[in-house]
Amino acid sequence: MERPEPELIRQSWRAVSRSPLEHGTVLFARLFALEPSLLPLFQYNGRQFSSPEDCLSSPEFLDHIRKVMLVIDAAVTNVENLSSLEEYLASLGRKHRAVGVSLSSFSTVGESLLHMLEKCLGPDFTPATRAAWSQLYGAVVQAMSRGWDGE
């Protein structure tokens, strides 16, 4: 796989990172719309959310959104040296596996990420930008999927 185009990724991320909670909420709203079966995986203090809106407005889930956006930020920061994040991402993969996330759900997460970027960037979300983000996300998922090795 070719390395993603770093400058396209950094430039587009600057716009998104100004409002991470807002854009992260767009990502997860899309994720729950595409794959509603993921909603029950998010429980805090034994509380089951009755709707995506209920989940997206809870303080605990907003913390999760912030963490996801920080992981994306780390990938953007290290776009030219993603191997430096491999152990961290594999560990993150193990945590996701432990709570019941399947590898197949990462494709829906990728679609949701691209949707969020398109909504945020509008006409600046060019085919080249889409391709760069798809490559970056593919590399992140490849590293996270190591958390499923040995199943």
C-alpha atoms as a PDB file:
ATOM      1  CA  MET A   1       0.000   0.000   0.000  1.00  0.00           C
ATOM      2  CA  GLU A   2       1.255   3.448  -0.863  1.00  0.00           C
ATOM      3  CA  ARG A   3       1.812   5.882   1.926  1.00  0.00           C
ATOM      4  CA  PRO A   4      -1.060   8.387   2.288  1.00  0.00           C
ATOM      5  CA  GLU A   5      -0.476  11.928   1.035  1.00  0.00           C
ATOM      6  CA  PRO A   6       0.549  13.600   4.310  1.00  0.00           C
ATOM      7  CA  GLU A   7      -0.141  17.218   3.394  1.00  0.00           C
ATOM      8  CA  LEU A   8      -3.690  16.536   2.187  1.00  0.00           C
ATOM      9  CA  ILE A   9      -4.408  14.722   5.440  1.00  0.00           C
ATOM     10  CA  ARG A  10      -2.869  17.403   7.656  1.00  0.00           C
ATOM     11  CA  GLN A  11      -4.566  20.241   5.808  1.00  0.00           C
ATOM     12  CA  SER A  12      -8.015  18.641   5.971  1.00  0.00           C
ATOM     13  CA  TRP A  13      -7.546  17.616   9.606  1.00  0.00           C
ATOM     14  CA  ARG A  14      -6.800  21.211  10.626  1.00  0.00           C
ATOM     15  CA  ALA A  15     -10.382  22.145   9.718  1.00  0.00           C
ATOM     16  CA  VAL A  16     -11.859  19.148  11.548  1.00  0.00           C
ATOM     17  CA  SER A  17      -9.704  19.432  14.650  1.00  0.00           C
ATOM     18  CA  ARG A  18     -11.037  22.909  15.422  1.00  0.00           C
ATOM     19  CA  SER A  19     -14.326  21.305  16.556  1.00  0.00           C
ATOM     20  CA  PRO A  20     -13.504  17.681  17.410  1.00  0.00           C
ATOM     21  CA  LEU A  21     -16.592  17.010  19.513  1.00  0.00           C
ATOM     22  CA  GLU A  22     -18.947  18.391  16.880  1.00  0.00           C
ATOM     23  CA  HIS A  23     -17.339  16.423  14.049  1.00  0.00           C
ATOM     24  CA  GLY A  24     -16.884  13.298  16.165  1.00  0.00           C
ATOM     25  CA  THR A  25     -20.611  13.401  16.910  1.00  0.00           C
ATOM     26  CA  VAL A  26     -21.295  13.492  13.154  1.00  0.00           C
ATOM     27  CA  LEU A  27     -19.050  10.435  12.739  1.00  0.00           C
ATOM     28  CA  PHE A  28     -20.842   8.419  15.440  1.00  0.00           C
ATOM     29  CA  ALA A  29     -24.342   9.523  14.375  1.00  0.00           C
ATOM     30  CA  ARG A  30     -23.524   8.160  10.924  1.00  0.00           C
ATOM     31  CA  LEU A  31     -22.027   4.996  12.421  1.00  0.00           C
ATOM     32  CA  PHE A  32     -25.187   4.275  14.422  1.00  0.00           C
ATOM     33  CA  ALA A  33     -27.363   5.017  11.375  1.00  0.00           C
ATOM     34  CA  LEU A  34     -25.379   2.546   9.252  1.00  0.00           C
ATOM     35  CA  GLU A  35     -24.882  -0.126  11.918  1.00  0.00           C
ATOM     36  CA  PRO A  36     -27.451   0.236  14.734  1.00  0.00           C
ATOM     37  CA  SER A  37     -26.306  -3.070  16.238  1.00  0.00           C
ATOM     38  CA  LEU A  38     -23.248  -1.232  17.600  1.00  0.00           C
ATOM     39  CA  LEU A  39     -25.312   0.927  19.969  1.00  0.00           C
ATOM     40  CA  PRO A  40     -25.674  -1.795  22.684  1.00  0.00           C
ATOM     41  CA  LEU A  41     -21.874  -2.099  22.865  1.00  0.00           C
ATOM     42  CA  PHE A  42     -21.784   1.318  24.513  1.00  0.00           C
ATOM     43  CA  GLN A  43     -22.829   0.962  28.133  1.00  0.00           C
ATOM     44  CA  TYR A  44     -21.670   3.080  31.011  1.00  0.00           C
ATOM     45  CA  ASN A  45     -22.314   2.122  34.630  1.00  0.00           C
ATOM     46  CA  GLY A  46     -24.635  -0.635  33.395  1.00  0.00           C
ATOM     47  CA  ARG A  47     -26.805   1.876  31.558  1.00  0.00           C
ATOM     48  CA  GLN A  48     -28.141   0.763  28.178  1.00  0.00           C
ATOM     49  CA  PHE A  49     -28.933   3.611  25.787  1.00  0.00           C
ATOM     50  CA  SER A  50     -32.433   3.646  24.325  1.00  0.00           C
ATOM     51  CA  SER A  51     -31.482   5.542  21.164  1.00  0.00           C
ATOM     52  CA  PRO A  52     -28.458   6.878  19.321  1.00  0.00           C
ATOM     53  CA  GLU A  53     -29.475  10.403  20.416  1.00  0.00           C
ATOM     54  CA  ASP A  54     -29.496   9.263  24.060  1.00  0.00           C
ATOM     55  CA  CYS A  55     -26.013   7.827  23.621  1.00  0.00           C
ATOM     56  CA  LEU A  56     -24.620  10.794  21.682  1.00  0.00           C
ATOM     57  CA  SER A  57     -25.695  13.223  24.396  1.00  0.00           C
ATOM     58  CA  SER A  58     -24.334  11.309  27.389  1.00  0.00           C
ATOM     59  CA  PRO A  59     -21.237  12.774  29.075  1.00  0.00           C
ATOM     60  CA  GLU A  60     -19.546   9.349  29.121  1.00  0.00           C
ATOM     61  CA  PHE A  61     -20.013   8.888  25.399  1.00  0.00           C
ATOM     62  CA  LEU A  62     -18.818  12.415  24.690  1.00  0.00           C
ATOM     63  CA  ASP A  63     -15.593  11.377  26.454  1.00  0.00           C
ATOM     64  CA  HIS A  64     -15.389   8.384  24.093  1.00  0.00           C
ATOM     65  CA  ILE A  65     -15.799  10.713  21.100  1.00  0.00           C
ATOM     66  CA  ARG A  66     -12.965  12.904  22.413  1.00  0.00           C
ATOM     67  CA  LYS A  67     -10.718   9.828  22.752  1.00  0.00           C
ATOM     68  CA  VAL A  68     -11.519   8.652  19.214  1.00  0.00           C
ATOM     69  CA  MET A  69     -10.717  12.088  17.840  1.00  0.00           C
ATOM     70  CA  LEU A  70      -7.414  12.051  19.766  1.00  0.00           C
ATOM     71  CA  VAL A  71      -6.513   8.707  18.168  1.00  0.00           C
ATOM     72  CA  ILE A  72      -7.252  10.153  14.734  1.00  0.00           C
ATOM     73  CA  ASP A  73      -5.151  13.188  15.665  1.00  0.00           C
ATOM     74  CA  ALA A  74      -2.262  10.887  16.650  1.00  0.00           C
ATOM     75  CA  ALA A  75      -2.529   9.082  13.313  1.00  0.00           C
ATOM     76  CA  VAL A  76      -2.484  12.413  11.467  1.00  0.00           C
ATOM     77  CA  THR A  77       0.491  13.631  13.512  1.00  0.00           C
ATOM     78  CA  ASN A  78       2.368  10.386  12.777  1.00  0.00           C
ATOM     79  CA  VAL A  79       1.121   9.918   9.207  1.00  0.00           C
ATOM     80  CA  GLU A  80       4.683   9.615   7.934  1.00  0.00           C
ATOM     81  CA  ASN A  81       5.670   7.178  10.681  1.00  0.00           C
ATOM     82  CA  LEU A  82       2.556   5.131  11.507  1.00  0.00           C
ATOM     83  CA  SER A  83       4.731   2.220  12.585  1.00  0.00           C
ATOM     84  CA  SER A  84       5.463   4.225  15.753  1.00  0.00           C
ATOM     85  CA  LEU A  85       1.792   3.707  16.728  1.00  0.00           C
ATOM     86  CA  GLU A  86       1.546  -0.003  15.900  1.00  0.00           C
ATOM     87  CA  GLU A  87       1.676  -1.357  19.453  1.00  0.00           C
ATOM     88  CA  TYR A  88      -0.744   1.274  20.708  1.00  0.00           C
ATOM     89  CA  LEU A  89      -3.186   0.564  17.874  1.00  0.00           C
ATOM     90  CA  ALA A  90      -2.938  -3.219  18.363  1.00  0.00           C
ATOM     91  CA  SER A  91      -3.730  -2.681  22.053  1.00  0.00           C
ATOM     92  CA  LEU A  92      -6.686  -0.518  21.054  1.00  0.00           C
ATOM     93  CA  GLY A  93      -7.808  -3.331  18.765  1.00  0.00           C
ATOM     94  CA  ARG A  94      -7.681  -5.805  21.674  1.00  0.00           C
ATOM     95  CA  LYS A  95      -9.831  -3.452  23.775  1.00  0.00           C
ATOM     96  CA  HIS A  96     -12.403  -3.199  20.984  1.00  0.00           C
ATOM     97  CA  ARG A  97     -12.436  -6.965  20.518  1.00  0.00           C
ATOM     98  CA  ALA A  98     -12.941  -7.433  24.273  1.00  0.00           C
ATOM     99  CA  VAL A  99     -16.139  -5.351  24.247  1.00  0.00           C
ATOM    100  CA  GLY A 100     -17.589  -7.221  21.279  1.00  0.00           C
ATOM    101  CA  VAL A 101     -16.640  -5.126  18.255  1.00  0.00           C
ATOM    102  CA  SER A 102     -16.145  -7.254  15.149  1.00  0.00           C
ATOM    103  CA  LEU A 103     -13.481  -6.565  12.561  1.00  0.00           C
ATOM    104  CA  SER A 104     -16.202  -6.135   9.943  1.00  0.00           C
ATOM    105  CA  SER A 105     -17.514  -3.075  11.803  1.00  0.00           C
ATOM    106  CA  PHE A 106     -14.321  -1.183  10.984  1.00  0.00           C
ATOM    107  CA  SER A 107     -15.478  -0.862   7.405  1.00  0.00           C
ATOM    108  CA  THR A 108     -18.602   0.966   8.646  1.00  0.00           C
ATOM    109  CA  VAL A 109     -16.420   3.140  10.865  1.00  0.00           C
ATOM    110  CA  GLY A 110     -14.341   4.006   7.785  1.00  0.00           C
ATOM    111  CA  GLU A 111     -17.465   4.970   5.848  1.00  0.00           C
ATOM    112  CA  SER A 112     -18.551   7.106   8.811  1.00  0.00           C
ATOM    113  CA  LEU A 113     -15.152   8.802   8.991  1.00  0.00           C
ATOM    114  CA  LEU A 114     -15.280   9.688   5.288  1.00  0.00           C
ATOM    115  CA  HIS A 115     -18.866  10.935   5.721  1.00  0.00           C
ATOM    116  CA  MET A 116     -17.802  13.190   8.592  1.00  0.00           C
ATOM    117  CA  LEU A 117     -14.858  14.556   6.608  1.00  0.00           C
ATOM    118  CA  GLU A 118     -17.084  15.248   3.609  1.00  0.00           C
ATOM    119  CA  LYS A 119     -19.656  17.059   5.801  1.00  0.00           C
ATOM    120  CA  CYS A 120     -16.939  19.125   7.479  1.00  0.00           C
ATOM    121  CA  LEU A 121     -14.864  19.966   4.415  1.00  0.00           C
ATOM    122  CA  GLY A 122     -17.576  20.346   1.777  1.00  0.00           C
ATOM    123  CA  PRO A 123     -16.039  21.036  -1.650  1.00  0.00           C
ATOM    124  CA  ASP A 124     -12.526  20.787  -0.156  1.00  0.00           C
ATOM    125  CA  PHE A 125     -13.134  17.046   0.293  1.00  0.00           C
ATOM    126  CA  THR A 126     -11.680  16.186  -3.098  1.00  0.00           C
ATOM    127  CA  PRO A 127     -11.214  12.696  -4.554  1.00  0.00           C
ATOM    128  CA  ALA A 128      -7.502  12.979  -3.704  1.00  0.00           C
ATOM    129  CA  THR A 129      -8.329  13.872  -0.092  1.00  0.00           C
ATOM    130  CA  ARG A 130     -10.761  10.943   0.106  1.00  0.00           C
ATOM    131  CA  ALA A 131      -8.099   8.590  -1.253  1.00  0.00           C
ATOM    132  CA  ALA A 132      -5.482   9.863   1.223  1.00  0.00           C
ATOM    133  CA  TRP A 133      -7.828   9.391   4.191  1.00  0.00           C
ATOM    134  CA  SER A 134      -8.875   5.957   2.942  1.00  0.00           C
ATOM    135  CA  GLN A 135      -5.224   4.927   2.855  1.00  0.00           C
ATOM    136  CA  LEU A 136      -4.541   6.328   6.313  1.00  0.00           C
ATOM    137  CA  TYR A 137      -7.614   4.654   7.785  1.00  0.00           C
ATOM    138  CA  GLY A 138      -6.694   1.368   6.091  1.00  0.00           C
ATOM    139  CA  ALA A 139      -3.262   1.476   7.720  1.00  0.00           C
ATOM    140  CA  VAL A 140      -4.790   2.231  11.137  1.00  0.00           C
ATOM    141  CA  VAL A 141      -7.249  -0.661  10.801  1.00  0.00           C
ATOM    142  CA  GLN A 142      -4.469  -2.983   9.702  1.00  0.00           C
ATOM    143  CA  ALA A 143      -2.571  -2.158  12.906  1.00  0.00           C
ATOM    144  CA  MET A 144      -5.691  -2.403  15.097  1.00  0.00           C
ATOM    145  CA  SER A 145      -6.630  -5.744  13.548  1.00  0.00           C
ATOM    146  CA  ARG A 146      -3.493  -7.210  15.099  1.00  0.00           C
ATOM    147  CA  GLY A 147      -5.585  -7.076  18.293  1.00  0.00           C
ATOM    148  CA  TRP A 148      -7.704  -9.884  16.799  1.00  0.00           C
ATOM    149  CA  ASP A 149      -4.693 -12.080  15.974  1.00  0.00           C
ATOM    150  CA  GLY A 150      -4.736 -15.426  17.672  1.00  0.00           C
ATOM    151  CA  GLU A 151      -8.515 -15.750  17.769  1.00  0.00           C
END
